[in-house]
PDB file of all heavy atoms in Angstrom:
ATOM      1  N   SER A   1      15.204 120.504  52.791  1.00  0.00           N
ATOM      2  CA  SER A   1      13.785 120.158  52.736  1.00  0.00           C
ATOM      3  C   SER A   1      13.096 121.117  51.767  1.00  0.00           C
ATOM      4  O   SER A   1      13.591 122.218  51.512  1.00  0.00           O
ATOM      5  CB  SER A   1      13.145 120.238  54.128  1.00  0.00           C
ATOM      6  OG  SER A   1      13.253 121.541  54.666  1.00  0.00           O
ATOM      7  N   PHE A   2      11.964 120.671  51.209  1.00  0.00           N
ATOM      8  CA  PHE A   2      11.222 121.499  50.264  1.00  0.00           C
ATOM      9  C   PHE A   2       9.732 121.263  50.460  1.00  0.00           C
ATOM     10  O   PHE A   2       9.267 120.131  50.456  1.00  0.00           O
ATOM     11  CB  PHE A   2      11.611 121.166  48.822  1.00  0.00           C
ATOM     12  CG  PHE A   2      10.975 122.070  47.811  1.00  0.00           C
ATOM     13  CD1 PHE A   2      11.487 123.330  47.569  1.00  0.00           C
ATOM     14  CD2 PHE A   2       9.849 121.663  47.113  1.00  0.00           C
ATOM     15  CE1 PHE A   2      10.899 124.177  46.643  1.00  0.00           C
ATOM     16  CE2 PHE A   2       9.245 122.494  46.184  1.00  0.00           C
ATOM     17  CZ  PHE A   2       9.771 123.761  45.949  1.00  0.00           C
ATOM     18  N   SER A   3       8.989 122.353  50.645  1.00  0.00           N
ATOM     19  CA  SER A   3       7.547 122.262  50.816  1.00  0.00           C
ATOM     20  C   SER A   3       6.906 123.598  50.471  1.00  0.00           C
ATOM     21  O   SER A   3       7.387 124.648  50.900  1.00  0.00           O
ATOM     22  CB  SER A   3       7.222 121.893  52.270  1.00  0.00           C
ATOM     23  OG  SER A   3       5.825 121.833  52.469  1.00  0.00           O
ATOM     24  N   GLU A   4       5.817 123.537  49.706  1.00  0.00           N
ATOM     25  CA  GLU A   4       5.024 124.706  49.364  1.00  0.00           C
ATOM     26  C   GLU A   4       5.867 125.870  48.849  1.00  0.00           C
ATOM     27  O   GLU A   4       5.709 127.015  49.290  1.00  0.00           O
ATOM     28  CB  GLU A   4       4.174 125.124  50.565  1.00  0.00           C
ATOM     29  CG  GLU A   4       3.201 124.033  50.991  1.00  0.00           C
ATOM     30  CD  GLU A   4       2.358 124.418  52.182  1.00  0.00           C
ATOM     31  OE1 GLU A   4       2.436 125.569  52.661  1.00  0.00           O
ATOM     32  OE2 GLU A   4       1.604 123.546  52.647  1.00  0.00           O
ATOM     33  N   GLY A   5       6.772 125.574  47.943  1.00  0.00           N
ATOM     34  CA  GLY A   5       7.581 126.615  47.316  1.00  0.00           C
ATOM     35  C   GLY A   5       8.748 127.118  48.144  1.00  0.00           C
ATOM     36  O   GLY A   5       9.404 128.081  47.764  1.00  0.00           O
ATOM     37  N   LYS A   6       9.004 126.475  49.273  1.00  0.00           N
ATOM     38  CA  LYS A   6      10.107 126.902  50.137  1.00  0.00           C
ATOM     39  C   LYS A   6      11.138 125.790  50.292  1.00  0.00           C
ATOM     40  O   LYS A   6      10.815 124.681  50.713  1.00  0.00           O
ATOM     41  CB  LYS A   6       9.582 127.308  51.513  1.00  0.00           C
ATOM     42  CG  LYS A   6      10.697 127.789  52.445  1.00  0.00           C
ATOM     43  CD  LYS A   6      10.143 128.389  53.722  1.00  0.00           C
ATOM     44  CE  LYS A   6       9.985 127.346  54.777  1.00  0.00           C
ATOM     45  NZ  LYS A   6       9.644 127.901  56.097  1.00  0.00           N
ATOM     46  N   MET A   7      12.383 126.119  49.946  1.00  0.00           N
ATOM     47  CA  MET A   7      13.499 125.205  50.111  1.00  0.00           C
ATOM     48  C   MET A   7      14.313 125.674  51.309  1.00  0.00           C
ATOM     49  O   MET A   7      14.674 126.852  51.392  1.00  0.00           O
ATOM     50  CB  MET A   7      14.391 125.204  48.870  1.00  0.00           C
ATOM     51  CG  MET A   7      15.562 124.254  48.991  1.00  0.00           C
ATOM     52  SD  MET A   7      16.677 124.369  47.586  1.00  0.00           S
ATOM     53  CE  MET A   7      17.517 125.871  47.975  1.00  0.00           C
ATOM     54  N   THR A   8      14.582 124.763  52.239  1.00  0.00           N
ATOM     55  CA  THR A   8      15.353 125.097  53.428  1.00  0.00           C
ATOM     56  C   THR A   8      16.581 124.206  53.496  1.00  0.00           C
ATOM     57  O   THR A   8      16.464 122.981  53.441  1.00  0.00           O
ATOM     58  CB  THR A   8      14.512 124.925  54.714  1.00  0.00           C
ATOM     59  OG1 THR A   8      13.339 125.735  54.612  1.00  0.00           O
ATOM     60  CG2 THR A   8      15.296 125.324  55.940  1.00  0.00           C
ATOM     61  N   VAL A   9      17.741 124.833  53.597  1.00  0.00           N
ATOM     62  CA  VAL A   9      18.985 124.108  53.847  1.00  0.00           C
ATOM     63  C   VAL A   9      19.242 124.213  55.343  1.00  0.00           C
ATOM     64  O   VAL A   9      19.298 125.318  55.905  1.00  0.00           O
ATOM     65  CB  VAL A   9      20.159 124.691  53.037  1.00  0.00           C
ATOM     66  CG1 VAL A   9      21.463 124.002  53.407  1.00  0.00           C
ATOM     67  CG2 VAL A   9      19.896 124.564  51.533  1.00  0.00           C
ATOM     68  N   HIS A  10      19.358 123.058  55.991  1.00  0.00           N
ATOM     69  CA  HIS A  10      19.542 122.976  57.433  1.00  0.00           C
ATOM     70  C   HIS A  10      21.028 122.787  57.746  1.00  0.00           C
ATOM     71  O   HIS A  10      21.663 121.889  57.182  1.00  0.00           O
ATOM     72  CB  HIS A  10      18.749 121.801  58.004  1.00  0.00           C
ATOM     73  CG  HIS A  10      17.275 121.905  57.718  1.00  0.00           C
ATOM     74  ND1 HIS A  10      16.389 122.428  58.628  1.00  0.00           N
ATOM     75  CD2 HIS A  10      16.544 121.569  56.624  1.00  0.00           C
ATOM     76  CE1 HIS A  10      15.176 122.404  58.116  1.00  0.00           C
ATOM     77  NE2 HIS A  10      15.237 121.883  56.899  1.00  0.00           N
ATOM     78  N   LEU A  11      21.532 123.629  58.646  1.00  0.00           N
ATOM     79  CA  LEU A  11      22.944 123.576  59.039  1.00  0.00           C
ATOM     80  C   LEU A  11      23.096 123.048  60.454  1.00  0.00           C
ATOM     81  O   LEU A  11      22.527 123.622  61.392  1.00  0.00           O
ATOM     82  CB  LEU A  11      23.535 124.987  59.041  1.00  0.00           C
ATOM     83  CG  LEU A  11      24.111 125.551  57.774  1.00  0.00           C
ATOM     84  CD1 LEU A  11      24.632 126.962  58.030  1.00  0.00           C
ATOM     85  CD2 LEU A  11      25.207 124.679  57.224  1.00  0.00           C
ATOM     86  N   PRO A  12      23.865 121.979  60.638  1.00  0.00           N
ATOM     87  CA  PRO A  12      24.139 121.519  62.000  1.00  0.00           C
ATOM     88  C   PRO A  12      25.091 122.490  62.706  1.00  0.00           C
ATOM     89  O   PRO A  12      25.725 123.337  62.065  1.00  0.00           O
ATOM     90  CB  PRO A  12      24.785 120.148  61.787  1.00  0.00           C
ATOM     91  CG  PRO A  12      25.335 120.183  60.419  1.00  0.00           C
ATOM     92  CD  PRO A  12      24.483 121.124  59.627  1.00  0.00           C
ATOM     93  N   HIS A  13      25.172 122.361  63.990  1.00  0.00           N
ATOM     94  CA  HIS A  13      25.942 123.286  64.830  1.00  0.00           C
ATOM     95  C   HIS A  13      27.394 123.445  64.379  1.00  0.00           C
ATOM     96  O   HIS A  13      27.904 124.569  64.294  1.00  0.00           O
ATOM     97  CB  HIS A  13      25.883 122.825  66.295  1.00  0.00           C
ATOM     98  CG  HIS A  13      26.598 123.743  67.228  1.00  0.00           C
ATOM     99  ND1 HIS A  13      26.083 124.958  67.602  1.00  0.00           N
ATOM    100  CD2 HIS A  13      27.798 123.617  67.846  1.00  0.00           C
ATOM    101  CE1 HIS A  13      26.940 125.562  68.406  1.00  0.00           C
ATOM    102  NE2 HIS A  13      27.976 124.769  68.585  1.00  0.00           N
ATOM    103  N   ASP A  14      28.081 122.342  64.090  1.00  0.00           N
ATOM    104  CA  ASP A  14      29.503 122.444  63.737  1.00  0.00           C
ATOM    105  C   ASP A  14      29.708 123.226  62.440  1.00  0.00           C
ATOM    106  O   ASP A  14      30.617 124.049  62.345  1.00  0.00           O
ATOM    107  CB  ASP A  14      30.159 121.059  63.654  1.00  0.00           C
ATOM    108  CG  ASP A  14      29.567 120.166  62.588  1.00  0.00           C
ATOM    109  OD1 ASP A  14      28.355 120.256  62.301  1.00  0.00           O
ATOM    110  OD2 ASP A  14      30.326 119.343  62.033  1.00  0.00           O
ATOM    111  N   LYS A  15      28.849 123.027  61.450  1.00  0.00           N
ATOM    112  CA  LYS A  15      28.974 123.750  60.174  1.00  0.00           C
ATOM    113  C   LYS A  15      28.621 125.227  60.370  1.00  0.00           C
ATOM    114  O   LYS A  15      29.259 126.104  59.783  1.00  0.00           O
ATOM    115  CB  LYS A  15      28.065 123.136  59.116  1.00  0.00           C
ATOM    116  CG  LYS A  15      28.293 121.659  58.861  1.00  0.00           C
ATOM    117  CD  LYS A  15      29.361 121.423  57.860  1.00  0.00           C
ATOM    118  CE  LYS A  15      29.394 119.931  57.486  1.00  0.00           C
ATOM    119  NZ  LYS A  15      30.556 119.578  56.716  1.00  0.00           N
ATOM    120  N   LEU A  16      27.624 125.485  61.181  1.00  0.00           N
ATOM    121  CA  LEU A  16      27.240 126.859  61.484  1.00  0.00           C
ATOM    122  C   LEU A  16      28.410 127.612  62.124  1.00  0.00           C
ATOM    123  O   LEU A  16      28.750 128.720  61.711  1.00  0.00           O
ATOM    124  CB  LEU A  16      26.032 126.864  62.423  1.00  0.00           C
ATOM    125  CG  LEU A  16      25.552 128.221  62.904  1.00  0.00           C
ATOM    126  CD1 LEU A  16      24.834 128.970  61.784  1.00  0.00           C
ATOM    127  CD2 LEU A  16      24.631 128.060  64.095  1.00  0.00           C
ATOM    128  N   CYS A  17      29.037 127.004  63.104  1.00  0.00           N
ATOM    129  CA  CYS A  17      30.176 127.632  63.781  1.00  0.00           C
ATOM    130  C   CYS A  17      31.340 127.866  62.831  1.00  0.00           C
ATOM    131  O   CYS A  17      32.018 128.894  62.914  1.00  0.00           O
ATOM    132  CB  CYS A  17      30.617 126.783  64.972  1.00  0.00           C
ATOM    133  SG  CYS A  17      29.443 126.834  66.339  1.00  0.00           S
ATOM    134  N   THR A  18      31.575 126.936  61.917  1.00  0.00           N
ATOM    135  CA  THR A  18      32.642 127.110  60.938  1.00  0.00           C
ATOM    136  C   THR A  18      32.387 128.356  60.088  1.00  0.00           C
ATOM    137  O   THR A  18      33.286 129.166  59.875  1.00  0.00           O
ATOM    138  CB  THR A  18      32.762 125.866  60.030  1.00  0.00           C
ATOM    139  OG1 THR A  18      33.126 124.743  60.837  1.00  0.00           O
ATOM    140  CG2 THR A  18      33.803 126.063  58.944  1.00  0.00           C
ATOM    141  N   LEU A  19      31.165 128.529  59.617  1.00  0.00           N
ATOM    142  CA  LEU A  19      30.830 129.692  58.793  1.00  0.00           C
ATOM    143  C   LEU A  19      30.932 130.999  59.568  1.00  0.00           C
ATOM    144  O   LEU A  19      31.417 132.006  59.048  1.00  0.00           O
ATOM    145  CB  LEU A  19      29.410 129.569  58.248  1.00  0.00           C
ATOM    146  CG  LEU A  19      29.219 128.760  56.990  1.00  0.00           C
ATOM    147  CD1 LEU A  19      27.739 128.661  56.650  1.00  0.00           C
ATOM    148  CD2 LEU A  19      29.978 129.365  55.821  1.00  0.00           C
ATOM    149  N   ILE A  20      30.482 131.000  60.793  1.00  0.00           N
ATOM    150  CA  ILE A  20      30.377 132.234  61.568  1.00  0.00           C
ATOM    151  C   ILE A  20      31.685 132.646  62.230  1.00  0.00           C
ATOM    152  O   ILE A  20      32.038 133.825  62.229  1.00  0.00           O
ATOM    153  CB  ILE A  20      29.271 132.082  62.639  1.00  0.00           C
ATOM    154  CG1 ILE A  20      27.912 131.988  61.963  1.00  0.00           C
ATOM    155  CG2 ILE A  20      29.292 133.230  63.624  1.00  0.00           C
ATOM    156  CD1 ILE A  20      26.776 131.686  62.913  1.00  0.00           C
ATOM    157  N   TYR A  21      32.412 131.685  62.775  1.00  0.00           N
ATOM    158  CA  TYR A  21      33.535 132.022  63.649  1.00  0.00           C
ATOM    159  C   TYR A  21      34.922 131.742  63.077  1.00  0.00           C
ATOM    160  O   TYR A  21      35.911 131.944  63.788  1.00  0.00           O
ATOM    161  CB  TYR A  21      33.384 131.292  64.990  1.00  0.00           C
ATOM    162  CG  TYR A  21      32.120 131.664  65.704  1.00  0.00           C
ATOM    163  CD1 TYR A  21      31.115 130.730  65.908  1.00  0.00           C
ATOM    164  CD2 TYR A  21      31.909 132.958  66.165  1.00  0.00           C
ATOM    165  CE1 TYR A  21      29.937 131.065  66.562  1.00  0.00           C
ATOM    166  CE2 TYR A  21      30.731 133.307  66.812  1.00  0.00           C
ATOM    167  CZ  TYR A  21      29.756 132.362  67.008  1.00  0.00           C
ATOM    168  OH  TYR A  21      28.585 132.692  67.646  1.00  0.00           O
ATOM    169  N   THR A  22      35.016 131.265  61.844  1.00  0.00           N
ATOM    170  CA  THR A  22      36.335 130.992  61.280  1.00  0.00           C
ATOM    171  C   THR A  22      36.526 131.736  59.962  1.00  0.00           C
ATOM    172  O   THR A  22      35.584 132.321  59.422  1.00  0.00           O
ATOM    173  CB  THR A  22      36.548 129.481  61.022  1.00  0.00           C
ATOM    174  OG1 THR A  22      35.784 129.086  59.875  1.00  0.00           O
ATOM    175  CG2 THR A  22      36.169 128.645  62.230  1.00  0.00           C
ATOM    176  N   GLU A  23      37.714 131.672  59.446  1.00  0.00           N
ATOM    177  CA  GLU A  23      38.034 132.286  58.153  1.00  0.00           C
ATOM    178  C   GLU A  23      37.728 131.335  56.995  1.00  0.00           C
ATOM    179  O   GLU A  23      37.929 131.705  55.832  1.00  0.00           O
ATOM    180  CB  GLU A  23      39.521 132.682  58.108  1.00  0.00           C
ATOM    181  CG  GLU A  23      39.892 133.750  59.129  1.00  0.00           C
ATOM    182  CD  GLU A  23      39.144 135.068  58.913  1.00  0.00           C
ATOM    183  OE1 GLU A  23      39.074 135.513  57.752  1.00  0.00           O
ATOM    184  OE2 GLU A  23      38.628 135.622  59.896  1.00  0.00           O
ATOM    185  N   GLU A  24      37.251 130.129  57.299  1.00  0.00           N
ATOM    186  CA  GLU A  24      36.897 129.184  56.236  1.00  0.00           C
ATOM    187  C   GLU A  24      35.886 129.833  55.303  1.00  0.00           C
ATOM    188  O   GLU A  24      34.976 130.523  55.748  1.00  0.00           O
ATOM    189  CB  GLU A  24      36.303 127.905  56.819  1.00  0.00           C
ATOM    190  CG  GLU A  24      37.286 127.033  57.555  1.00  0.00           C
ATOM    191  CD  GLU A  24      38.319 126.415  56.643  1.00  0.00           C
ATOM    192  OE1 GLU A  24      37.963 125.944  55.542  1.00  0.00           O
ATOM    193  OE2 GLU A  24      39.497 126.409  57.033  1.00  0.00           O
ATOM    194  N   ILE A  25      36.020 129.574  54.022  1.00  0.00           N
ATOM    195  CA  ILE A  25      35.147 130.179  53.014  1.00  0.00           C
ATOM    196  C   ILE A  25      33.785 129.494  52.983  1.00  0.00           C
ATOM    197  O   ILE A  25      32.770 130.141  52.750  1.00  0.00           O
ATOM    198  CB  ILE A  25      35.794 130.109  51.606  1.00  0.00           C
ATOM    199  CG1 ILE A  25      37.121 130.856  51.606  1.00  0.00           C
ATOM    200  CG2 ILE A  25      34.854 130.639  50.534  1.00  0.00           C
ATOM    201  CD1 ILE A  25      37.018 132.327  51.919  1.00  0.00           C
ATOM    202  N   GLY A  26      33.754 128.176  53.208  1.00  0.00           N
ATOM    203  CA  GLY A  26      32.470 127.499  53.094  1.00  0.00           C
ATOM    204  C   GLY A  26      32.426 126.154  53.783  1.00  0.00           C
ATOM    205  O   GLY A  26      33.435 125.661  54.287  1.00  0.00           O
ATOM    206  N   VAL A  27      31.224 125.590  53.765  1.00  0.00           N
ATOM    207  CA  VAL A  27      30.985 124.245  54.296  1.00  0.00           C
ATOM    208  C   VAL A  27      30.169 123.491  53.258  1.00  0.00           C
ATOM    209  O   VAL A  27      29.414 124.086  52.479  1.00  0.00           O
ATOM    210  CB  VAL A  27      30.245 124.277  55.653  1.00  0.00           C
ATOM    211  CG1 VAL A  27      31.108 124.917  56.726  1.00  0.00           C
ATOM    212  CG2 VAL A  27      28.906 124.988  55.549  1.00  0.00           C
ATOM    213  N   GLN A  28      30.323 122.181  53.243  1.00  0.00           N
ATOM    214  CA  GLN A  28      29.607 121.374  52.257  1.00  0.00           C
ATOM    215  C   GLN A  28      29.273 120.006  52.814  1.00  0.00           C
ATOM    216  O   GLN A  28      29.847 119.569  53.798  1.00  0.00           O
ATOM    217  CB  GLN A  28      30.431 121.231  50.980  1.00  0.00           C
ATOM    218  CG  GLN A  28      31.732 120.474  51.174  1.00  0.00           C
ATOM    219  CD  GLN A  28      32.592 120.476  49.924  1.00  0.00           C
ATOM    220  OE1 GLN A  28      32.643 121.463  49.202  1.00  0.00           O
ATOM    221  NE2 GLN A  28      33.261 119.376  49.669  1.00  0.00           N
ATOM    222  N   ASP A  29      28.320 119.366  52.143  1.00  0.00           N
ATOM    223  CA  ASP A  29      27.911 118.029  52.541  1.00  0.00           C
ATOM    224  C   ASP A  29      27.073 117.429  51.421  1.00  0.00           C
ATOM    225  O   ASP A  29      26.667 118.144  50.498  1.00  0.00           O
ATOM    226  CB  ASP A  29      27.094 118.068  53.837  1.00  0.00           C
ATOM    227  CG  ASP A  29      27.240 116.813  54.678  1.00  0.00           C
ATOM    228  OD1 ASP A  29      27.656 115.767  54.135  1.00  0.00           O
ATOM    229  OD2 ASP A  29      26.910 116.878  55.877  1.00  0.00           O
ATOM    230  N   TYR A  30      26.832 116.152  51.513  1.00  0.00           N
ATOM    231  CA  TYR A  30      25.899 115.473  50.614  1.00  0.00           C
ATOM    232  C   TYR A  30      24.694 115.043  51.429  1.00  0.00           C
ATOM    233  O   TYR A  30      24.845 114.511  52.525  1.00  0.00           O
ATOM    234  CB  TYR A  30      26.549 114.243  49.957  1.00  0.00           C
ATOM    235  CG  TYR A  30      27.521 114.603  48.874  1.00  0.00           C
ATOM    236  CD1 TYR A  30      28.856 114.828  49.160  1.00  0.00           C
ATOM    237  CD2 TYR A  30      27.093 114.736  47.553  1.00  0.00           C
ATOM    238  CE1 TYR A  30      29.758 115.180  48.156  1.00  0.00           C
ATOM    239  CE2 TYR A  30      27.980 115.087  46.550  1.00  0.00           C
ATOM    240  CZ  TYR A  30      29.306 115.306  46.855  1.00  0.00           C
ATOM    241  OH  TYR A  30      30.182 115.659  45.866  1.00  0.00           O
ATOM    242  N   ALA A  31      23.510 115.284  50.892  1.00  0.00           N
ATOM    243  CA  ALA A  31      22.278 114.909  51.576  1.00  0.00           C
ATOM    244  C   ALA A  31      21.561 113.832  50.779  1.00  0.00           C
ATOM    245  O   ALA A  31      21.578 113.841  49.548  1.00  0.00           O
ATOM    246  CB  ALA A  31      21.375 116.142  51.732  1.00  0.00           C
ATOM    247  N   GLU A  32      20.932 112.932  51.486  1.00  0.00           N
ATOM    248  CA  GLU A  32      20.155 111.872  50.845  1.00  0.00           C
ATOM    249  C   GLU A  32      18.959 112.482  50.135  1.00  0.00           C
ATOM    250  O   GLU A  32      18.221 113.283  50.712  1.00  0.00           O
ATOM    251  CB  GLU A  32      19.690 110.871  51.905  1.00  0.00           C
ATOM    252  CG  GLU A  32      18.949 109.683  51.350  1.00  0.00           C
ATOM    253  CD  GLU A  32      19.781 108.853  50.395  1.00  0.00           C
ATOM    254  OE1 GLU A  32      20.961 108.608  50.694  1.00  0.00           O
ATOM    255  OE2 GLU A  32      19.241 108.469  49.344  1.00  0.00           O
ATOM    256  N   ASN A  33      18.785 112.110  48.861  1.00  0.00           N
ATOM    257  CA  ASN A  33      17.630 112.594  48.094  1.00  0.00           C
ATOM    258  C   ASN A  33      16.989 111.498  47.239  1.00  0.00           C
ATOM    259  O   ASN A  33      16.195 111.788  46.354  1.00  0.00           O
ATOM    260  CB  ASN A  33      18.017 113.783  47.204  1.00  0.00           C
ATOM    261  CG  ASN A  33      18.961 113.401  46.091  1.00  0.00           C
ATOM    262  OD1 ASN A  33      19.508 112.301  46.067  1.00  0.00           O
ATOM    263  ND2 ASN A  33      19.167 114.316  45.156  1.00  0.00           N
ATOM    264  N   GLY A  34      17.375 110.259  47.503  1.00  0.00           N
ATOM    265  CA  GLY A  34      16.821 109.147  46.741  1.00  0.00           C
ATOM    266  C   GLY A  34      17.511 108.901  45.415  1.00  0.00           C
ATOM    267  O   GLY A  34      17.140 107.978  44.692  1.00  0.00           O
ATOM    268  N   GLN A  35      18.511 109.709  45.093  1.00  0.00           N
ATOM    269  CA  GLN A  35      19.263 109.561  43.850  1.00  0.00           C
ATOM    270  C   GLN A  35      20.684 109.112  44.178  1.00  0.00           C
ATOM    271  O   GLN A  35      21.230 109.464  45.228  1.00  0.00           O
ATOM    272  CB  GLN A  35      19.334 110.906  43.102  1.00  0.00           C
ATOM    273  CG  GLN A  35      17.987 111.490  42.750  1.00  0.00           C
ATOM    274  CD  GLN A  35      17.314 110.712  41.644  1.00  0.00           C
ATOM    275  OE1 GLN A  35      17.898 110.466  40.598  1.00  0.00           O
ATOM    276  NE2 GLN A  35      16.077 110.311  41.884  1.00  0.00           N
ATOM    277  N   GLU A  36      21.278 108.373  43.248  1.00  0.00           N
ATOM    278  CA  GLU A  36      22.658 107.966  43.435  1.00  0.00           C
ATOM    279  C   GLU A  36      23.542 109.210  43.535  1.00  0.00           C
ATOM    280  O   GLU A  36      23.436 110.121  42.731  1.00  0.00           O
ATOM    281  CB  GLU A  36      23.126 107.094  42.268  1.00  0.00           C
ATOM    282  CG  GLU A  36      24.510 106.530  42.467  1.00  0.00           C
ATOM    283  CD  GLU A  36      24.924 105.584  41.360  1.00  0.00           C
ATOM    284  OE1 GLU A  36      24.042 104.958  40.749  1.00  0.00           O
ATOM    285  OE2 GLU A  36      26.126 105.479  41.119  1.00  0.00           O
TER     286      GLU A  36
END
């Protein structure tokens, strides 16, 4: 989301847990933005 100069990336619970509690390097996803 983006508003008043602030961009926020929102992490769902499963992705958050992957980052915090595993050795996985990262998490990724595609978000709808009105563009192909």
